[in-house]
């Protein structure tokens, strides 16, 4: 599960570095928080 979580975090980081709306940024930051909590 840690490998999968790490891959998703990397994917979210790539998405955050692109052009996104404020709503998308907020959603991605929430997802990042949950993934970080899962990763431990």
PDB file of N, CA and C in Angstrom:
ATOM      1  N   UNK A   1       0.822  -1.193   0.000  1.00  0.00           N
ATOM      2  CA  UNK A   1       0.000   0.000   0.000  1.00  0.00           C
ATOM      3  C   UNK A   1       0.871   1.263   0.000  1.00  0.00           C
ATOM      4  N   UNK A   2       2.007   1.209   0.653  1.00  0.00           N
ATOM      5  CA  UNK A   2       2.876   2.393   0.699  1.00  0.00           C
ATOM      6  C   UNK A   2       3.378   2.766  -0.690  1.00  0.00           C
ATOM      7  N   UNK A   3       3.703   1.777  -1.517  1.00  0.00           N
ATOM      8  CA  UNK A   3       4.174   2.077  -2.869  1.00  0.00           C
ATOM      9  C   UNK A   3       3.079   2.746  -3.686  1.00  0.00           C
ATOM     10  N   UNK A   4       1.871   2.236  -3.570  1.00  0.00           N
ATOM     11  CA  UNK A   4       0.739   2.814  -4.294  1.00  0.00           C
ATOM     12  C   UNK A   4       0.470   4.247  -3.834  1.00  0.00           C
ATOM     13  N   UNK A   5       0.533   4.455  -2.526  1.00  0.00           N
ATOM     14  CA  UNK A   5       0.308   5.789  -1.979  1.00  0.00           C
ATOM     15  C   UNK A   5       1.390   6.751  -2.452  1.00  0.00           C
ATOM     16  N   UNK A   6       2.637   6.297  -2.463  1.00  0.00           N
ATOM     17  CA  UNK A   6       3.742   7.135  -2.918  1.00  0.00           C
ATOM     18  C   UNK A   6       3.576   7.501  -4.391  1.00  0.00           C
ATOM     19  N   UNK A   7       3.144   6.545  -5.206  1.00  0.00           N
ATOM     20  CA  UNK A   7       2.906   6.825  -6.638  1.00  0.00           C
ATOM     21  C   UNK A   7       1.790   7.841  -6.814  1.00  0.00           C
ATOM     22  N   UNK A   8       0.724   7.724  -6.040  1.00  0.00           N
ATOM     23  CA  UNK A   8      -0.388   8.684  -6.134  1.00  0.00           C
ATOM     24  C   UNK A   8       0.041  10.073  -5.691  1.00  0.00           C
ATOM     25  N   UNK A   9       0.870  10.146  -4.635  1.00  0.00           N
ATOM     26  CA  UNK A   9       1.374  11.437  -4.189  1.00  0.00           C
ATOM     27  C   UNK A   9       2.206  12.095  -5.298  1.00  0.00           C
ATOM     28  N   UNK A  10       3.021  11.308  -5.977  1.00  0.00           N
ATOM     29  CA  UNK A  10       3.822  11.839  -7.085  1.00  0.00           C
ATOM     30  C   UNK A  10       2.915  12.328  -8.210  1.00  0.00           C
ATOM     31  N   UNK A  11       1.847  11.583  -8.485  1.00  0.00           N
ATOM     32  CA  UNK A  11       0.904  11.980  -9.529  1.00  0.00           C
ATOM     33  C   UNK A  11       0.206  13.291  -9.162  1.00  0.00           C
ATOM     34  N   UNK A  12      -0.216  13.425  -7.918  1.00  0.00           N
ATOM     35  CA  UNK A  12      -0.880  14.647  -7.470  1.00  0.00           C
ATOM     36  C   UNK A  12       0.091  15.827  -7.545  1.00  0.00           C
ATOM     37  N   UNK A  13       1.342  15.596  -7.179  1.00  0.00           N
ATOM     38  CA  UNK A  13       2.348  16.656  -7.248  1.00  0.00           C
ATOM     39  C   UNK A  13       2.516  17.145  -8.680  1.00  0.00           C
ATOM     40  N   UNK A  14       2.535  16.218  -9.630  1.00  0.00           N
ATOM     41  CA  UNK A  14       2.628  16.609 -11.044  1.00  0.00           C
ATOM     42  C   UNK A  14       1.405  17.423 -11.453  1.00  0.00           C
ATOM     43  N   UNK A  15       0.234  17.014 -11.012  1.00  0.00           N
ATOM     44  CA  UNK A  15      -0.983  17.751 -11.348  1.00  0.00           C
ATOM     45  C   UNK A  15      -0.955  19.159 -10.759  1.00  0.00           C
ATOM     46  N   UNK A  16      -0.459  19.285  -9.529  1.00  0.00           N
ATOM     47  CA  UNK A  16      -0.402  20.587  -8.873  1.00  0.00           C
ATOM     48  C   UNK A  16       0.571  21.544  -9.567  1.00  0.00           C
ATOM     49  N   UNK A  17       1.560  20.997 -10.254  1.00  0.00           N
ATOM     50  CA  UNK A  17       2.533  21.858 -10.921  1.00  0.00           C
ATOM     51  C   UNK A  17       2.025  22.364 -12.269  1.00  0.00           C
ATOM     52  N   UNK A  18       0.906  21.832 -12.728  1.00  0.00           N
ATOM     53  CA  UNK A  18       0.331  22.269 -14.000  1.00  0.00           C
ATOM     54  C   UNK A  18      -0.676  23.390 -13.806  1.00  0.00           C
ATOM     55  N   UNK A  19      -1.331  23.746 -14.889  1.00  0.00           N
ATOM     56  CA  UNK A  19      -2.350  24.796 -14.843  1.00  0.00           C
ATOM     57  C   UNK A  19      -3.678  24.182 -14.413  1.00  0.00           C
ATOM     58  N   UNK A  20      -4.161  24.611 -13.249  1.00  0.00           N
ATOM     59  CA  UNK A  20      -5.421  24.104 -12.718  1.00  0.00           C
ATOM     60  C   UNK A  20      -6.198  25.264 -12.106  1.00  0.00           C
ATOM     61  N   UNK A  21      -7.489  25.058 -11.942  1.00  0.00           N
ATOM     62  CA  UNK A  21      -8.324  26.083 -11.328  1.00  0.00           C
ATOM     63  C   UNK A  21      -8.151  26.044  -9.804  1.00  0.00           C
ATOM     64  N   UNK A  22      -8.648  27.075  -9.144  1.00  0.00           N
ATOM     65  CA  UNK A  22      -8.568  27.107  -7.681  1.00  0.00           C
ATOM     66  C   UNK A  22      -9.341  25.949  -7.051  1.00  0.00           C
ATOM     67  N   UNK A  23     -10.494  25.618  -7.625  1.00  0.00           N
ATOM     68  CA  UNK A  23     -11.268  24.484  -7.107  1.00  0.00           C
ATOM     69  C   UNK A  23     -10.492  23.180  -7.254  1.00  0.00           C
ATOM     70  N   UNK A  24      -9.836  22.999  -8.397  1.00  0.00           N
ATOM     71  CA  UNK A  24      -9.043  21.790  -8.605  1.00  0.00           C
ATOM     72  C   UNK A  24      -7.859  21.754  -7.643  1.00  0.00           C
ATOM     73  N   UNK A  25      -7.231  22.908  -7.418  1.00  0.00           N
ATOM     74  CA  UNK A  25      -6.108  22.963  -6.497  1.00  0.00           C
ATOM     75  C   UNK A  25      -6.551  22.582  -5.086  1.00  0.00           C
ATOM     76  N   UNK A  26      -7.677  23.121  -4.656  1.00  0.00           N
ATOM     77  CA  UNK A  26      -8.195  22.811  -3.325  1.00  0.00           C
ATOM     78  C   UNK A  26      -8.466  21.301  -3.199  1.00  0.00           C
ATOM     79  N   UNK A  27      -9.094  20.724  -4.200  1.00  0.00           N
ATOM     80  CA  UNK A  27      -9.393  19.288  -4.179  1.00  0.00           C
ATOM     81  C   UNK A  27      -8.107  18.460  -4.125  1.00  0.00           C
ATOM     82  N   UNK A  28      -7.112  18.847  -4.917  1.00  0.00           N
ATOM     83  CA  UNK A  28      -5.851  18.108  -4.922  1.00  0.00           C
ATOM     84  C   UNK A  28      -5.122  18.235  -3.588  1.00  0.00           C
ATOM     85  N   UNK A  29      -5.220  19.383  -2.949  1.00  0.00           N
ATOM     86  CA  UNK A  29      -4.584  19.542  -1.642  1.00  0.00           C
ATOM     87  C   UNK A  29      -5.273  18.691  -0.582  1.00  0.00           C
ATOM     88  N   UNK A  30      -6.583  18.568  -0.671  1.00  0.00           N
ATOM     89  CA  UNK A  30      -7.314  17.676   0.245  1.00  0.00           C
ATOM     90  C   UNK A  30      -6.875  16.230   0.019  1.00  0.00           C
ATOM     91  N   UNK A  31      -6.785  15.836  -1.247  1.00  0.00           N
ATOM     92  CA  UNK A  31      -6.340  14.475  -1.581  1.00  0.00           C
ATOM     93  C   UNK A  31      -4.930  14.237  -1.060  1.00  0.00           C
ATOM     94  N   UNK A  32      -4.062  15.237  -1.229  1.00  0.00           N
ATOM     95  CA  UNK A  32      -2.684  15.121  -0.751  1.00  0.00           C
ATOM     96  C   UNK A  32      -2.663  14.913   0.762  1.00  0.00           C
ATOM     97  N   UNK A  33      -3.494  15.635   1.475  1.00  0.00           N
ATOM     98  CA  UNK A  33      -3.565  15.467   2.922  1.00  0.00           C
ATOM     99  C   UNK A  33      -3.964  14.054   3.320  1.00  0.00           C
ATOM    100  N   UNK A  34      -4.973  13.510   2.667  1.00  0.00           N
ATOM    101  CA  UNK A  34      -5.409  12.148   2.967  1.00  0.00           C
ATOM    102  C   UNK A  34      -4.329  11.127   2.620  1.00  0.00           C
ATOM    103  N   UNK A  35      -3.700  11.306   1.469  1.00  0.00           N
ATOM    104  CA  UNK A  35      -2.648  10.357   1.075  1.00  0.00           C
ATOM    105  C   UNK A  35      -1.457  10.416   2.031  1.00  0.00           C
ATOM    106  N   UNK A  36      -1.114  11.613   2.478  1.00  0.00           N
ATOM    107  CA  UNK A  36      -0.022  11.757   3.429  1.00  0.00           C
ATOM    108  C   UNK A  36      -0.367  11.076   4.748  1.00  0.00           C
ATOM    109  N   UNK A  37      -1.609  11.223   5.184  1.00  0.00           N
ATOM    110  CA  UNK A  37      -2.052  10.565   6.418  1.00  0.00           C
ATOM    111  C   UNK A  37      -1.981   9.035   6.267  1.00  0.00           C
ATOM    112  N   UNK A  38      -2.377   8.540   5.120  1.00  0.00           N
ATOM    113  CA  UNK A  38      -2.316   7.093   4.882  1.00  0.00           C
ATOM    114  C   UNK A  38      -0.881   6.584   4.828  1.00  0.00           C
ATOM    115  N   UNK A  39      -0.019   7.395   4.245  1.00  0.00           N
ATOM    116  CA  UNK A  39       1.369   6.997   4.070  1.00  0.00           C
ATOM    117  C   UNK A  39       2.098   6.914   5.404  1.00  0.00           C
ATOM    118  N   UNK A  40       1.691   7.770   6.329  1.00  0.00           N
ATOM    119  CA  UNK A  40       2.260   7.735   7.675  1.00  0.00           C
ATOM    120  C   UNK A  40       3.504   8.455   7.767  1.00  0.00           C
TER     121      UNK A  40
END
